[in-house]
Each structure stands twice: as C-alpha cells, then as structure tokens.
Amino acid sequence: MQALDIDFHKTNSKTTVFAINRAIRSIEQGMRFTMGFAMPIVVEFGLLCAMLTGFCGPMYLGNMLLTLGLYTYFTKSFSEVRRV
C-alpha cells in the first residue's frame, strides 16, 4: 500500500466516495417512497380496521377483509386473462 503512487490513492478514494454517495442517494429515494407513499396507505388501512372493529364489531371487519380479498383476487385473475 505504501509503495503505490499518490495518484492511485486519489483516484481510488474519489471513486469510493462517489459510489458511497450514489448508494446513499438511492437509499434516500427508497426511504422517501416508503414514507411518502406506502406508509400513509398502511396507516390509513390500520385506522380503518380499528374504527370498523370499534364501531361495527369484528364480524363487520372480517366481512370487509374477505370482500377486499375476493375483489383483489378477482381483479388480479381477470387482468391475467386479459393480458394473454
């Protein structure tokens, strides 16, 4: 390491810093997407489930979850049929 030229160390550290900055930017973009898009949906769905359980009872919540699951399954399977 000590015998290497100073230009080698400058070039290597510059590319390493660039790679680290690029990785940090991509991680930041992923976190922004999670916090700005996915997290509000999860929180809203959790609040909806809590309110339905509190005001209407667990049977109504189960009915809603079953209906939502069936609707999702139907939509996904129908989309696959149309895609072919």
N, C-alpha and C. Protein backbone atom coordinates (compact mmCIF):
# COMPACT_ATOMS: atom_id res chain seq x y z
N MET A 1 0.82 -1.19 0.00
CA MET A 1 0.00 0.00 0.00
C MET A 1 0.87 1.26 0.00
N GLN A 2 1.90 1.25 0.82
CA GLN A 2 2.75 2.43 0.93
C GLN A 2 3.53 2.71 -0.35
N ALA A 3 3.81 1.66 -1.10
CA ALA A 3 4.62 1.82 -2.31
C ALA A 3 3.80 2.31 -3.50
N LEU A 4 2.51 2.33 -3.40
CA LEU A 4 1.68 2.77 -4.51
C LEU A 4 1.78 4.28 -4.73
N ASP A 5 1.55 4.68 -5.95
CA ASP A 5 1.62 6.09 -6.32
C ASP A 5 0.49 6.88 -5.66
N ILE A 6 0.73 8.17 -5.41
CA ILE A 6 -0.30 9.01 -4.79
C ILE A 6 -1.52 9.17 -5.68
N ASP A 7 -1.33 9.17 -7.02
CA ASP A 7 -2.48 9.27 -7.94
C ASP A 7 -3.42 8.08 -7.80
N PHE A 8 -2.86 6.91 -7.52
CA PHE A 8 -3.69 5.73 -7.31
C PHE A 8 -4.63 5.95 -6.12
N HIS A 9 -4.09 6.48 -5.03
CA HIS A 9 -4.91 6.70 -3.84
C HIS A 9 -5.97 7.78 -4.08
N LYS A 10 -5.61 8.84 -4.80
CA LYS A 10 -6.58 9.89 -5.10
C LYS A 10 -7.72 9.36 -5.97
N THR A 11 -7.38 8.61 -6.98
CA THR A 11 -8.39 8.06 -7.88
C THR A 11 -9.28 7.07 -7.15
N ASN A 12 -8.67 6.20 -6.37
CA ASN A 12 -9.45 5.19 -5.65
C ASN A 12 -10.38 5.83 -4.63
N SER A 13 -9.91 6.80 -3.89
CA SER A 13 -10.78 7.41 -2.87
C SER A 13 -11.90 8.20 -3.53
N LYS A 14 -11.61 8.81 -4.70
CA LYS A 14 -12.65 9.58 -5.39
C LYS A 14 -13.77 8.66 -5.87
N THR A 15 -13.42 7.52 -6.45
CA THR A 15 -14.45 6.60 -6.92
C THR A 15 -15.20 5.96 -5.76
N THR A 16 -14.51 5.72 -4.67
CA THR A 16 -15.17 5.15 -3.49
C THR A 16 -16.18 6.14 -2.92
N VAL A 17 -15.79 7.38 -2.79
CA VAL A 17 -16.70 8.41 -2.27
C VAL A 17 -17.89 8.58 -3.21
N PHE A 18 -17.64 8.55 -4.52
CA PHE A 18 -18.73 8.66 -5.49
C PHE A 18 -19.70 7.50 -5.35
N ALA A 19 -19.18 6.28 -5.20
CA ALA A 19 -20.04 5.10 -5.05
C ALA A 19 -20.85 5.18 -3.76
N ILE A 20 -20.23 5.65 -2.70
CA ILE A 20 -20.95 5.77 -1.42
C ILE A 20 -22.05 6.82 -1.53
N ASN A 21 -21.76 7.96 -2.16
CA ASN A 21 -22.79 9.00 -2.34
C ASN A 21 -23.94 8.50 -3.20
N ARG A 22 -23.63 7.73 -4.24
CA ARG A 22 -24.69 7.19 -5.08
C ARG A 22 -25.56 6.20 -4.30
N ALA A 23 -24.94 5.36 -3.49
CA ALA A 23 -25.71 4.42 -2.67
C ALA A 23 -26.59 5.14 -1.67
N ILE A 24 -26.06 6.20 -1.06
CA ILE A 24 -26.85 6.97 -0.09
C ILE A 24 -28.05 7.62 -0.78
N ARG A 25 -27.85 8.16 -2.00
CA ARG A 25 -28.96 8.77 -2.73
C ARG A 25 -30.04 7.74 -3.05
N SER A 26 -29.63 6.53 -3.46
CA SER A 26 -30.64 5.53 -3.79
C SER A 26 -31.38 5.06 -2.55
N ILE A 27 -30.69 4.93 -1.43
CA ILE A 27 -31.36 4.56 -0.18
C ILE A 27 -32.33 5.67 0.23
N GLU A 28 -31.91 6.93 0.06
CA GLU A 28 -32.78 8.05 0.41
C GLU A 28 -34.04 8.06 -0.46
N GLN A 29 -33.90 7.76 -1.74
CA GLN A 29 -35.07 7.70 -2.61
C GLN A 29 -36.02 6.59 -2.19
N GLY A 30 -35.48 5.44 -1.81
CA GLY A 30 -36.32 4.35 -1.33
C GLY A 30 -37.05 4.71 -0.05
N MET A 31 -36.36 5.38 0.85
CA MET A 31 -37.00 5.80 2.10
C MET A 31 -38.07 6.87 1.85
N ARG A 32 -37.81 7.78 0.93
CA ARG A 32 -38.81 8.80 0.61
C ARG A 32 -40.06 8.16 0.02
N PHE A 33 -39.87 7.16 -0.85
CA PHE A 33 -41.02 6.46 -1.42
C PHE A 33 -41.80 5.76 -0.32
N THR A 34 -41.09 5.07 0.57
CA THR A 34 -41.77 4.34 1.64
C THR A 34 -42.53 5.28 2.56
N MET A 35 -41.88 6.36 2.96
CA MET A 35 -42.52 7.27 3.90
C MET A 35 -43.61 8.12 3.23
N GLY A 36 -43.48 8.40 1.95
CA GLY A 36 -44.43 9.27 1.29
C GLY A 36 -45.58 8.56 0.62
N PHE A 37 -45.39 7.29 0.26
CA PHE A 37 -46.44 6.59 -0.47
C PHE A 37 -46.97 5.39 0.31
N ALA A 38 -46.11 4.47 0.68
CA ALA A 38 -46.55 3.22 1.30
C ALA A 38 -47.01 3.42 2.75
N MET A 39 -46.29 4.23 3.50
CA MET A 39 -46.61 4.39 4.91
C MET A 39 -48.00 5.00 5.15
N PRO A 40 -48.40 6.04 4.44
CA PRO A 40 -49.75 6.58 4.65
C PRO A 40 -50.84 5.56 4.33
N ILE A 41 -50.63 4.72 3.32
CA ILE A 41 -51.62 3.70 2.99
C ILE A 41 -51.75 2.70 4.12
N VAL A 42 -50.62 2.26 4.67
CA VAL A 42 -50.64 1.30 5.77
C VAL A 42 -51.31 1.91 7.00
N VAL A 43 -50.97 3.15 7.33
CA VAL A 43 -51.57 3.81 8.50
C VAL A 43 -53.07 3.99 8.30
N GLU A 44 -53.48 4.41 7.10
CA GLU A 44 -54.90 4.61 6.84
C GLU A 44 -55.67 3.30 6.93
N PHE A 45 -55.10 2.23 6.39
CA PHE A 45 -55.76 0.92 6.46
C PHE A 45 -55.86 0.44 7.91
N GLY A 46 -54.82 0.68 8.69
CA GLY A 46 -54.86 0.31 10.11
C GLY A 46 -55.92 1.08 10.88
N LEU A 47 -56.02 2.38 10.60
CA LEU A 47 -57.06 3.18 11.26
C LEU A 47 -58.45 2.74 10.83
N LEU A 48 -58.63 2.42 9.55
CA LEU A 48 -59.92 1.93 9.08
C LEU A 48 -60.31 0.63 9.78
N CYS A 49 -59.35 -0.30 9.89
CA CYS A 49 -59.65 -1.57 10.58
C CYS A 49 -59.99 -1.34 12.05
N ALA A 50 -59.26 -0.44 12.70
CA ALA A 50 -59.54 -0.16 14.11
C ALA A 50 -60.92 0.48 14.29
N MET A 51 -61.27 1.40 13.41
CA MET A 51 -62.58 2.04 13.53
C MET A 51 -63.72 1.07 13.23
N LEU A 52 -63.55 0.23 12.21
CA LEU A 52 -64.60 -0.75 11.91
C LEU A 52 -64.77 -1.74 13.06
N THR A 53 -63.67 -2.16 13.65
CA THR A 53 -63.77 -3.07 14.79
C THR A 53 -64.45 -2.38 15.97
N GLY A 54 -64.07 -1.13 16.23
CA GLY A 54 -64.63 -0.42 17.38
C GLY A 54 -66.10 -0.06 17.21
N PHE A 55 -66.47 0.42 16.06
CA PHE A 55 -67.83 0.91 15.86
C PHE A 55 -68.79 -0.18 15.38
N CYS A 56 -68.32 -1.10 14.56
CA CYS A 56 -69.24 -2.08 13.94
C CYS A 56 -69.03 -3.51 14.43
N GLY A 57 -67.91 -3.79 15.04
CA GLY A 57 -67.65 -5.13 15.54
C GLY A 57 -66.73 -5.93 14.63
N PRO A 58 -66.16 -6.98 15.19
CA PRO A 58 -65.18 -7.77 14.42
C PRO A 58 -65.80 -8.53 13.24
N MET A 59 -67.10 -8.86 13.32
CA MET A 59 -67.73 -9.57 12.19
C MET A 59 -67.77 -8.68 10.96
N TYR A 60 -68.05 -7.41 11.13
CA TYR A 60 -68.08 -6.48 10.01
C TYR A 60 -66.69 -6.29 9.41
N LEU A 61 -65.67 -6.23 10.30
CA LEU A 61 -64.30 -6.12 9.82
C LEU A 61 -63.91 -7.36 9.03
N GLY A 62 -64.25 -8.53 9.52
CA GLY A 62 -63.96 -9.76 8.79
C GLY A 62 -64.64 -9.80 7.44
N ASN A 63 -65.89 -9.35 7.40
CA ASN A 63 -66.62 -9.29 6.15
C ASN A 63 -65.93 -8.34 5.17
N MET A 64 -65.49 -7.20 5.64
CA MET A 64 -64.81 -6.24 4.78
C MET A 64 -63.50 -6.81 4.26
N LEU A 65 -62.72 -7.46 5.12
CA LEU A 65 -61.45 -8.04 4.70
C LEU A 65 -61.65 -9.17 3.69
N LEU A 66 -62.67 -9.99 3.92
CA LEU A 66 -62.97 -11.07 2.98
C LEU A 66 -63.39 -10.50 1.62
N THR A 67 -64.26 -9.50 1.64
CA THR A 67 -64.70 -8.88 0.39
C THR A 67 -63.52 -8.23 -0.34
N LEU A 68 -62.66 -7.54 0.38
CA LEU A 68 -61.49 -6.91 -0.22
C LEU A 68 -60.54 -7.96 -0.81
N GLY A 69 -60.36 -9.07 -0.10
CA GLY A 69 -59.51 -10.14 -0.61
C GLY A 69 -60.06 -10.77 -1.87
N LEU A 70 -61.38 -11.03 -1.87
CA LEU A 70 -62.01 -11.61 -3.06
C LEU A 70 -61.94 -10.65 -4.25
N TYR A 71 -62.15 -9.37 -3.99
CA TYR A 71 -62.08 -8.38 -5.05
C TYR A 71 -60.66 -8.31 -5.63
N THR A 72 -59.66 -8.34 -4.76
CA THR A 72 -58.28 -8.32 -5.22
C THR A 72 -57.95 -9.55 -6.04
N TYR A 73 -58.37 -10.72 -5.57
CA TYR A 73 -58.13 -11.97 -6.31
C TYR A 73 -58.82 -11.93 -7.68
N PHE A 74 -60.08 -11.50 -7.71
CA PHE A 74 -60.82 -11.43 -8.97
C PHE A 74 -60.14 -10.47 -9.95
N THR A 75 -59.75 -9.29 -9.46
CA THR A 75 -59.12 -8.30 -10.32
C THR A 75 -57.80 -8.82 -10.88
N LYS A 76 -57.00 -9.45 -10.04
CA LYS A 76 -55.71 -9.98 -10.48
C LYS A 76 -55.90 -11.09 -11.50
N SER A 77 -56.80 -12.03 -11.24
CA SER A 77 -57.01 -13.14 -12.16
C SER A 77 -57.63 -12.65 -13.48
N PHE A 78 -58.56 -11.71 -13.42
CA PHE A 78 -59.17 -11.17 -14.63
C PHE A 78 -58.15 -10.40 -15.47
N SER A 79 -57.23 -9.69 -14.80
CA SER A 79 -56.18 -8.98 -15.52
C SER A 79 -55.25 -9.95 -16.22
N GLU A 80 -54.94 -11.07 -15.59
CA GLU A 80 -54.08 -12.08 -16.22
C GLU A 80 -54.75 -12.67 -17.46
N VAL A 81 -56.06 -12.88 -17.41
CA VAL A 81 -56.79 -13.45 -18.55
C VAL A 81 -56.77 -12.46 -19.70
N ARG A 82 -56.97 -11.19 -19.42
CA ARG A 82 -57.00 -10.17 -20.47
C ARG A 82 -55.62 -9.93 -21.07
N ARG A 83 -54.57 -10.16 -20.30
CA ARG A 83 -53.20 -9.89 -20.77
C ARG A 83 -52.77 -10.91 -21.83
N VAL A 84 -53.30 -12.12 -21.75
CA VAL A 84 -52.88 -13.18 -22.69
C VAL A 84 -53.50 -13.05 -24.03
